Amino acid sequence: MDPVRNPFAPGAGSQPPELSGRGAILDEANIAIQRALIGKHSRSQMLLGLRGVGKTVLLNKIAEMAEGAGHVTSFIEAPEGKSLSELLVPKINQTLRKFSLVEQAKAKSHQALRALRAFASVFKVTYGDATLSVDPEIGVADSGDIENDLPELFVRVGEAAKAAGKAWTLLIDEVQYLSGTDLAALIVALHKISQKDLPVLFFGAGLPQVAALSGEAKSYAERVFHFPAVGPLVGDDARSAIRQPIENEGEKITDIALDDILQKTQGYPYFLQEWGYQCWNIAQGPQIEWSDASQAAHAATRRLDDGFFKVRFDRLTPKEREYVIAMAQLGAGPYRSSEVAIALNETHQSLGPRRAQIINKGMIYSPSHGDIAFTVPMFNDYLMRNYVNKPRKT
């Protein structure tokens, strides 16, 4: 088949040709977007799931929906080791400049920019020439305690949005990398916004541990956030993710080939895209056969091993690698932390810091007390393939 017309394009956050199985999440997001414009509050959403399930894709789609409805959006990917204040200040500055273009919002936007200047000064955030354009508002968002200051800043932004007849939608990906202090401040700020019925929406995405992290940050987090689970696709949704893009290009795939793809990918969206991409390029036509899917599995696995899996494994120290390999040798998981300790001939307590570091790097999480699991689907298979059962050179 013509590779130029290949409908599949696997990549981090790349929009798939067919967004299957996410209708409920998108419908709820759309309702919240529309309600914000008429001054009605909706709970913020925090999308939770493993790597490769399409959380970033959904955030991008929600941002697109919000912009189409007239919201001003700010999209942030939270990197490790960077403060929330550093991430927010330039985005809020851009947002307020847009609101200030609306005549009836000029005064509120100017007031919010002054609060932003105060906030940026106290947290020592610089963001270009904009720091010179307004004087700080003394006594607003300038205490130096982000849990006090961020809510005041968000209120100012919400008031400017309301004056402009618009809404502000903030989207943050990789929420698990926010510090506990910053996450707590974000929760307090969103809680304050909801109390005042201001047109500010938040959509976040992160690994499964974000729900527990949010609860630890603030006990009322479950009243601020709705936590939709984003998991693998099943049944007709998984089939549609492969079949529909192929048929949209005027080509076909046999049922047996499709069944083989679903079995090997376990319905994980990123893997479905990779298998679909390889199947299309391998098939000679007029349809994708089981033999094409079988060949594609080898090509897709090789690409995943060299990219998707490897870049994550390479971030681990030798001792951390030893830990995750021991996990993989125990089977598919989840794993008891105590069993990993026994496998490594160490105590559960002595391995605590190492386990915590691997969790902080987003490689594993704790689905329940005493248990750990990989955040990357089928990572145990990768480790067994490449570091346990790899044939030795003779």
Protein backbone atom coordinates (compact mmCIF):
# COMPACT_ATOMS: atom_id res chain seq x y z
CA MET A 1 0.00 0.00 0.00
CA ASP A 2 1.13 3.54 -0.69
CA PRO A 3 3.17 4.70 2.35
CA VAL A 4 2.39 8.32 1.49
CA ARG A 5 -1.29 7.63 2.25
CA ASN A 6 -0.57 5.74 5.48
CA PRO A 7 -3.23 7.06 7.90
CA PHE A 8 -1.32 6.00 11.01
CA ALA A 9 1.32 8.28 12.53
CA PRO A 10 2.47 6.96 15.93
CA GLY A 11 4.11 9.63 18.05
CA ALA A 12 3.95 11.29 21.46
CA GLY A 13 0.65 13.15 21.59
CA SER A 14 0.00 12.73 17.85
CA GLN A 15 -3.68 12.86 16.96
CA PRO A 16 -4.79 9.40 15.76
CA PRO A 17 -6.90 9.23 12.61
CA GLU A 18 -9.78 7.73 14.61
CA LEU A 19 -10.32 8.88 18.23
CA SER A 20 -12.23 5.81 19.39
CA GLY A 21 -13.64 5.03 22.81
CA ARG A 22 -13.22 8.47 24.37
CA GLY A 23 -16.64 9.92 23.69
CA ALA A 24 -17.76 10.08 27.33
CA ILE A 25 -14.66 12.04 28.40
CA LEU A 26 -14.96 14.48 25.51
CA ASP A 27 -18.71 14.93 26.02
CA GLU A 28 -18.18 15.81 29.69
CA ALA A 29 -15.39 18.22 28.75
CA ASN A 30 -17.59 19.89 26.15
CA ILE A 31 -20.40 20.39 28.67
CA ALA A 32 -17.94 22.02 31.09
CA ILE A 33 -16.62 24.27 28.31
CA GLN A 34 -20.10 25.43 27.37
CA ARG A 35 -21.19 25.90 31.00
CA ALA A 36 -18.19 28.13 31.73
CA LEU A 37 -19.31 30.58 29.05
CA ILE A 38 -22.68 31.07 30.75
CA GLY A 39 -21.22 31.39 34.23
CA LYS A 40 -21.94 27.90 35.54
CA HIS A 41 -19.32 25.90 37.40
CA SER A 42 -18.13 22.39 36.50
CA ARG A 43 -15.62 20.18 38.28
CA SER A 44 -12.11 20.12 36.86
CA GLN A 45 -11.00 16.93 35.12
CA MET A 46 -7.79 15.03 35.81
CA LEU A 47 -7.25 12.29 33.22
CA LEU A 48 -5.38 9.31 34.67
CA GLY A 49 -3.72 6.45 32.84
CA LEU A 50 -0.54 4.62 31.90
CA ARG A 51 1.88 5.77 29.23
CA GLY A 52 0.63 5.41 25.67
CA VAL A 53 -3.11 5.48 26.35
CA GLY A 54 -3.67 8.87 24.70
CA LYS A 55 -3.98 11.30 27.62
CA THR A 56 -2.03 14.02 25.78
CA VAL A 57 -4.12 13.45 22.67
CA LEU A 58 -7.25 14.03 24.73
CA LEU A 59 -5.85 17.20 26.31
CA ASN A 60 -5.02 18.55 22.85
CA LYS A 61 -8.52 17.70 21.63
CA ILE A 62 -10.09 19.40 24.67
CA ALA A 63 -7.93 22.49 24.06
CA GLU A 64 -9.13 22.54 20.46
CA MET A 65 -12.75 22.26 21.60
CA ALA A 66 -12.30 25.07 24.14
CA GLU A 67 -10.68 27.38 21.59
CA GLY A 68 -13.48 26.64 19.14
CA ALA A 69 -16.02 27.67 21.78
CA GLY A 70 -14.26 30.98 22.41
CA HIS A 71 -12.07 30.13 25.39
CA VAL A 72 -8.51 31.38 25.75
CA THR A 73 -6.38 28.31 26.45
CA SER A 74 -3.00 27.74 28.09
CA PHE A 75 -1.32 24.35 27.57
CA ILE A 76 1.58 23.35 29.83
CA GLU A 77 3.66 20.19 29.94
CA ALA A 78 5.10 19.96 33.44
CA PRO A 79 8.77 18.94 33.30
CA GLU A 80 10.62 17.44 36.24
CA GLY A 81 12.17 19.97 38.57
CA LYS A 82 10.46 23.14 37.36
CA SER A 83 8.15 25.17 39.58
CA LEU A 84 4.52 25.82 38.77
CA SER A 85 5.11 29.58 39.07
CA GLU A 86 7.74 29.42 36.30
CA LEU A 87 5.35 27.51 34.07
CA LEU A 88 2.30 29.69 34.71
CA VAL A 89 3.61 33.25 34.58
CA PRO A 90 4.30 33.48 30.81
CA LYS A 91 1.06 31.65 29.99
CA ILE A 92 -1.06 33.90 32.19
CA ASN A 93 0.69 36.96 30.74
CA GLN A 94 -0.32 35.86 27.22
CA THR A 95 -3.86 35.18 28.37
CA LEU A 96 -4.32 38.58 29.99
CA ARG A 97 -2.93 40.37 26.92
CA LYS A 98 -5.67 38.69 24.89
CA PHE A 99 -8.39 39.68 27.36
CA SER A 100 -7.12 43.27 27.36
CA LEU A 101 -8.01 43.57 23.66
CA VAL A 102 -11.69 43.54 24.68
CA GLU A 103 -12.67 47.11 25.57
CA GLN A 104 -14.87 46.24 28.58
CA ALA A 105 -12.12 44.01 30.01
CA LYS A 106 -9.22 46.49 29.84
CA ALA A 107 -9.48 47.61 33.45
CA LYS A 108 -9.78 44.08 34.88
CA SER A 109 -6.99 42.82 32.64
CA HIS A 110 -4.70 45.64 33.78
CA GLN A 111 -5.54 44.83 37.40
CA ALA A 112 -4.74 41.16 36.79
CA LEU A 113 -1.44 42.05 35.07
CA ARG A 114 -0.46 44.04 38.14
CA ALA A 115 -1.22 41.01 40.33
CA LEU A 116 0.82 38.86 37.93
CA ARG A 117 3.72 41.29 38.18
CA ALA A 118 3.59 41.05 41.98
CA PHE A 119 3.38 37.24 41.82
CA ALA A 120 6.29 37.01 39.38
CA SER A 121 8.42 39.34 41.49
CA VAL A 122 7.94 37.49 44.76
CA PHE A 123 8.65 34.10 43.12
CA LYS A 124 11.55 35.58 41.11
CA VAL A 125 10.12 34.65 37.72
CA THR A 126 11.24 36.71 34.72
CA TYR A 127 9.35 36.65 31.46
CA GLY A 128 10.77 39.27 29.14
CA ASP A 129 9.89 42.90 28.59
CA ALA A 130 6.36 42.43 29.96
CA THR A 131 7.78 42.82 33.47
CA LEU A 132 8.39 46.49 32.72
CA SER A 133 4.92 47.36 31.48
CA VAL A 134 2.94 47.50 34.74
CA ASP A 135 3.54 48.23 38.41
CA PRO A 136 2.86 45.43 40.89
CA GLU A 137 -0.32 45.51 42.94
CA ILE A 138 0.89 45.72 46.51
CA GLY A 139 -0.71 43.22 48.85
CA VAL A 140 -2.11 40.91 46.16
CA ALA A 141 -0.46 37.57 45.27
CA ASP A 142 2.80 38.74 46.81
CA SER A 143 3.11 36.99 50.19
CA GLY A 144 5.64 34.47 48.91
CA ASP A 145 3.39 31.56 49.95
CA ILE A 146 2.14 30.05 46.70
CA GLU A 147 -0.86 28.45 48.41
CA ASN A 148 -2.04 31.95 49.34
CA ASP A 149 -0.87 33.80 46.24
CA LEU A 150 -1.97 31.50 43.42
CA PRO A 151 -5.68 31.63 44.38
CA GLU A 152 -5.54 35.45 44.42
CA LEU A 153 -3.90 35.47 40.99
CA PHE A 154 -6.44 33.00 39.56
CA VAL A 155 -9.29 35.16 40.87
CA ARG A 156 -7.85 38.18 39.08
CA VAL A 157 -7.54 36.19 35.83
CA GLY A 158 -11.10 34.87 36.23
CA GLU A 159 -12.44 38.40 36.75
CA ALA A 160 -10.69 39.57 33.58
CA ALA A 161 -12.11 36.61 31.65
CA LYS A 162 -15.61 37.36 32.94
CA ALA A 163 -15.31 41.04 31.98
CA ALA A 164 -14.22 40.00 28.47
CA GLY A 165 -17.19 37.64 28.12
CA LYS A 166 -14.78 34.74 27.70
CA ALA A 167 -13.30 31.89 29.72
CA TRP A 168 -9.79 30.71 30.48
CA THR A 169 -8.98 27.02 30.16
CA LEU A 170 -5.71 25.83 31.71
CA LEU A 171 -4.42 22.40 30.66
CA ILE A 172 -1.44 20.73 32.35
CA ASP A 173 0.10 17.46 31.15
CA GLU A 174 2.35 15.24 33.29
CA VAL A 175 0.83 16.53 36.54
CA GLN A 176 2.76 13.92 38.55
CA TYR A 177 5.90 16.03 38.09
CA LEU A 178 4.47 18.97 40.04
CA SER A 179 5.79 19.28 43.59
CA GLY A 180 3.41 18.55 46.44
CA THR A 181 3.42 22.24 47.39
CA ASP A 182 2.57 23.34 43.84
CA LEU A 183 -0.17 20.73 43.45
CA ALA A 184 -1.72 21.83 46.74
CA ALA A 185 -1.65 25.47 45.59
CA LEU A 186 -3.30 24.55 42.29
CA ILE A 187 -6.08 22.68 44.10
CA VAL A 188 -6.69 25.62 46.45
CA ALA A 189 -6.76 28.05 43.50
CA LEU A 190 -9.28 25.95 41.58
CA HIS A 191 -11.40 25.57 44.71
CA LYS A 192 -11.42 29.35 45.13
CA ILE A 193 -12.43 29.86 41.50
CA SER A 194 -15.35 27.45 41.88
CA GLN A 195 -16.57 29.28 44.98
CA LYS A 196 -16.67 32.54 43.04
CA ASP A 197 -18.23 31.03 39.87
CA LEU A 198 -15.55 32.57 37.67
CA PRO A 199 -15.06 31.25 34.08
CA VAL A 200 -11.85 29.29 34.65
CA LEU A 201 -11.54 25.62 33.71
CA PHE A 202 -8.76 23.15 34.40
CA PHE A 203 -7.97 19.89 32.63
CA GLY A 204 -4.99 17.85 33.72
CA ALA A 205 -3.44 14.54 32.79
CA GLY A 206 -1.04 12.29 34.61
CA LEU A 207 -0.05 8.83 35.70
CA PRO A 208 -2.36 6.83 37.99
CA GLN A 209 -0.62 8.02 41.16
CA VAL A 210 -1.90 11.58 40.62
CA ALA A 211 -5.19 10.75 42.36
CA ALA A 212 -3.35 9.75 45.54
CA LEU A 213 -0.96 12.71 45.22
CA SER A 214 -3.92 15.08 44.94
CA GLY A 215 -5.57 13.58 48.02
CA GLU A 216 -2.33 13.90 49.97
CA ALA A 217 -1.96 17.53 48.85
CA LYS A 218 -5.51 18.49 49.87
CA SER A 219 -8.10 16.24 51.48
CA TYR A 220 -10.92 17.83 49.47
CA ALA A 221 -9.25 17.18 46.09
CA GLU A 222 -11.99 14.68 45.13
CA ARG A 223 -14.49 17.55 45.28
CA VAL A 224 -12.33 19.70 42.99
CA PHE A 225 -11.39 17.03 40.45
CA HIS A 226 -13.19 14.34 38.54
CA PHE A 227 -10.69 11.58 37.76
CA PRO A 228 -11.66 9.84 34.48
CA ALA A 229 -9.61 6.70 33.82
CA VAL A 230 -8.04 6.52 30.37
CA GLY A 231 -7.24 2.90 29.65
CA PRO A 232 -6.74 0.51 26.72
CA LEU A 233 -9.44 0.30 24.08
CA VAL A 234 -11.66 -2.76 24.06
CA GLY A 235 -14.10 -4.45 21.70
CA ASP A 236 -15.52 -2.37 18.87
CA ASP A 237 -13.58 0.72 19.98
CA ALA A 238 -10.25 -1.06 19.51
CA ARG A 239 -11.38 -2.50 16.20
CA SER A 240 -12.55 0.87 14.96
CA ALA A 241 -9.20 2.46 15.81
CA ILE A 242 -7.57 0.20 13.22
CA ARG A 243 -10.31 -0.61 10.73
CA GLN A 244 -11.83 2.85 10.23
CA PRO A 245 -8.65 4.70 9.14
CA ILE A 246 -7.85 1.91 6.69
CA GLU A 247 -11.33 1.92 5.19
CA ASN A 248 -11.33 5.72 5.02
CA GLU A 249 -8.40 5.36 2.62
CA GLY A 250 -10.36 2.89 0.51
CA GLU A 251 -8.45 -0.20 1.69
CA LYS A 252 -9.40 -3.24 3.80
CA ILE A 253 -8.12 -5.48 6.59
CA THR A 254 -9.19 -9.07 7.26
CA ASP A 255 -10.83 -10.01 10.54
CA ILE A 256 -8.08 -12.49 11.37
CA ALA A 257 -5.41 -9.81 10.86
CA LEU A 258 -7.36 -7.40 13.03
CA ASP A 259 -7.78 -10.00 15.78
CA ASP A 260 -4.02 -10.63 15.74
CA ILE A 261 -3.29 -6.91 16.15
CA LEU A 262 -5.71 -6.52 19.06
CA GLN A 263 -4.30 -9.57 20.83
CA LYS A 264 -0.69 -8.40 20.53
CA THR A 265 -1.30 -4.75 21.40
CA GLN A 266 -3.78 -5.45 24.23
CA GLY A 267 -5.73 -2.46 22.90
CA TYR A 268 -3.24 0.21 23.99
CA PRO A 269 -3.75 3.17 21.63
CA TYR A 270 -0.06 3.95 21.01
CA PHE A 271 0.65 0.32 20.18
CA LEU A 272 -2.41 0.15 17.91
CA GLN A 273 -1.04 3.11 15.97
CA GLU A 274 2.39 1.48 15.68
CA TRP A 275 0.94 -1.84 14.48
CA GLY A 276 -1.40 -0.09 12.04
CA TYR A 277 1.48 1.96 10.65
CA GLN A 278 3.65 -1.12 10.09
CA CYS A 279 0.80 -3.21 8.65
CA TRP A 280 -0.01 -0.56 6.07
CA ASN A 281 3.61 -0.22 4.91
CA ILE A 282 4.15 -3.99 4.70
CA ALA A 283 0.91 -4.95 2.92
CA GLN A 284 1.01 -5.22 -0.85
CA GLY A 285 -2.77 -5.05 -1.20
CA PRO A 286 -5.59 -5.21 -1.96
CA GLN A 287 -6.08 -5.77 1.80
CA ILE A 288 -4.06 -6.31 4.95
CA GLU A 289 -3.77 -10.05 5.62
CA TRP A 290 -2.79 -12.05 8.70
CA SER A 291 0.70 -12.56 7.21
CA ASP A 292 1.11 -8.78 7.00
CA ALA A 293 0.08 -8.38 10.64
CA SER A 294 2.53 -11.11 11.64
CA GLN A 295 5.42 -9.33 9.89
CA ALA A 296 4.27 -6.00 11.29
CA ALA A 297 4.52 -7.36 14.84
CA HIS A 298 8.26 -7.86 14.44
CA ALA A 299 8.78 -4.41 12.95
CA ALA A 300 6.57 -2.70 15.52
CA THR A 301 8.22 -4.47 18.45
CA ARG A 302 11.66 -3.47 17.17
CA ARG A 303 10.60 0.18 16.85
CA LEU A 304 9.09 0.19 20.34
CA ASP A 305 12.20 -1.43 21.82
CA ASP A 306 14.47 1.14 20.16
CA GLY A 307 12.28 4.13 21.05
CA PHE A 308 9.21 4.01 23.29
CA PHE A 309 10.70 1.56 25.80
CA LYS A 310 14.41 2.37 25.53
CA VAL A 311 14.16 6.10 26.22
CA ARG A 312 12.43 5.32 29.51
CA PHE A 313 14.81 2.55 30.54
CA ASP A 314 17.83 4.75 29.76
CA ARG A 315 16.69 7.30 32.37
CA LEU A 316 17.26 4.79 35.17
CA THR A 317 20.48 4.36 37.11
CA PRO A 318 22.14 0.91 37.16
CA LYS A 319 20.63 0.16 40.59
CA GLU A 320 17.17 1.31 39.43
CA ARG A 321 17.50 -0.91 36.35
CA GLU A 322 18.34 -3.82 38.61
CA TYR A 323 15.12 -3.14 40.53
CA VAL A 324 12.80 -3.02 37.49
CA ILE A 325 14.39 -6.10 35.94
CA ALA A 326 13.72 -7.96 39.20
CA MET A 327 10.10 -6.82 38.93
CA ALA A 328 9.81 -8.16 35.38
CA GLN A 329 11.22 -11.52 36.38
CA LEU A 330 8.32 -11.94 38.80
CA GLY A 331 5.79 -11.97 35.93
CA ALA A 332 3.20 -9.58 34.56
CA GLY A 333 2.47 -7.63 37.77
CA PRO A 334 1.33 -5.83 39.84
CA TYR A 335 4.11 -6.84 42.22
CA ARG A 336 4.47 -6.89 45.98
CA SER A 337 7.34 -4.64 47.06
CA SER A 338 8.34 -7.34 49.54
CA GLU A 339 8.67 -9.90 46.72
CA VAL A 340 11.02 -7.60 44.81
CA ALA A 341 13.09 -7.18 47.97
CA ILE A 342 13.35 -10.95 48.36
CA ALA A 343 14.38 -11.32 44.70
CA LEU A 344 17.16 -8.77 45.26
CA ASN A 345 18.16 -10.30 48.61
CA GLU A 346 17.53 -6.99 50.38
CA THR A 347 15.03 -5.68 52.90
CA HIS A 348 11.85 -3.86 51.97
CA GLN A 349 13.03 -0.85 54.02
CA SER A 350 16.48 -0.64 52.42
CA LEU A 351 14.93 -0.54 48.95
CA GLY A 352 12.48 2.24 49.90
CA PRO A 353 14.59 5.16 48.60
CA ARG A 354 15.36 3.37 45.34
CA ARG A 355 11.70 2.53 44.80
CA ALA A 356 10.74 6.16 45.54
CA GLN A 357 13.21 7.44 42.96
CA ILE A 358 11.79 5.15 40.29
CA ILE A 359 8.28 6.35 41.17
CA ASN A 360 9.47 9.98 40.95
CA LYS A 361 10.81 9.28 37.47
CA GLY A 362 7.36 8.08 36.44
CA MET A 363 8.41 4.50 35.70
CA ILE A 364 6.39 2.70 38.38
CA TYR A 365 3.45 3.53 40.65
CA SER A 366 1.60 2.01 43.56
CA PRO A 367 -1.91 0.84 42.57
CA SER A 368 -2.57 -0.20 46.20
CA HIS A 369 -0.69 -0.30 49.48
CA GLY A 370 2.37 -2.52 49.23
CA ASP A 371 1.95 -3.09 45.49
CA ILE A 372 3.90 -1.60 42.57
CA ALA A 373 3.35 -1.76 38.82
CA PHE A 374 4.90 -0.35 35.66
CA THR A 375 3.47 2.88 34.23
CA VAL A 376 4.48 1.71 30.74
CA PRO A 377 2.27 -1.04 29.29
CA MET A 378 4.07 -4.30 28.52
CA PHE A 379 7.35 -2.94 29.88
CA ASN A 380 7.95 -6.24 31.65
CA ASP A 381 7.94 -7.98 28.23
CA TYR A 382 10.52 -5.49 26.95
CA LEU A 383 12.81 -6.16 29.91
CA MET A 384 12.47 -9.93 29.59
CA ARG A 385 13.13 -9.72 25.86
CA ASN A 386 16.20 -7.51 26.10
CA TYR A 387 17.78 -7.99 29.52
CA VAL A 388 16.76 -11.42 30.81
CA ASN A 389 16.14 -13.79 27.93
CA LYS A 390 18.41 -12.07 25.40
CA PRO A 391 20.53 -14.71 23.62
CA ARG A 392 24.15 -14.56 24.58
CA LYS A 393 26.80 -13.97 21.91
CA THR A 394 29.17 -16.87 21.35
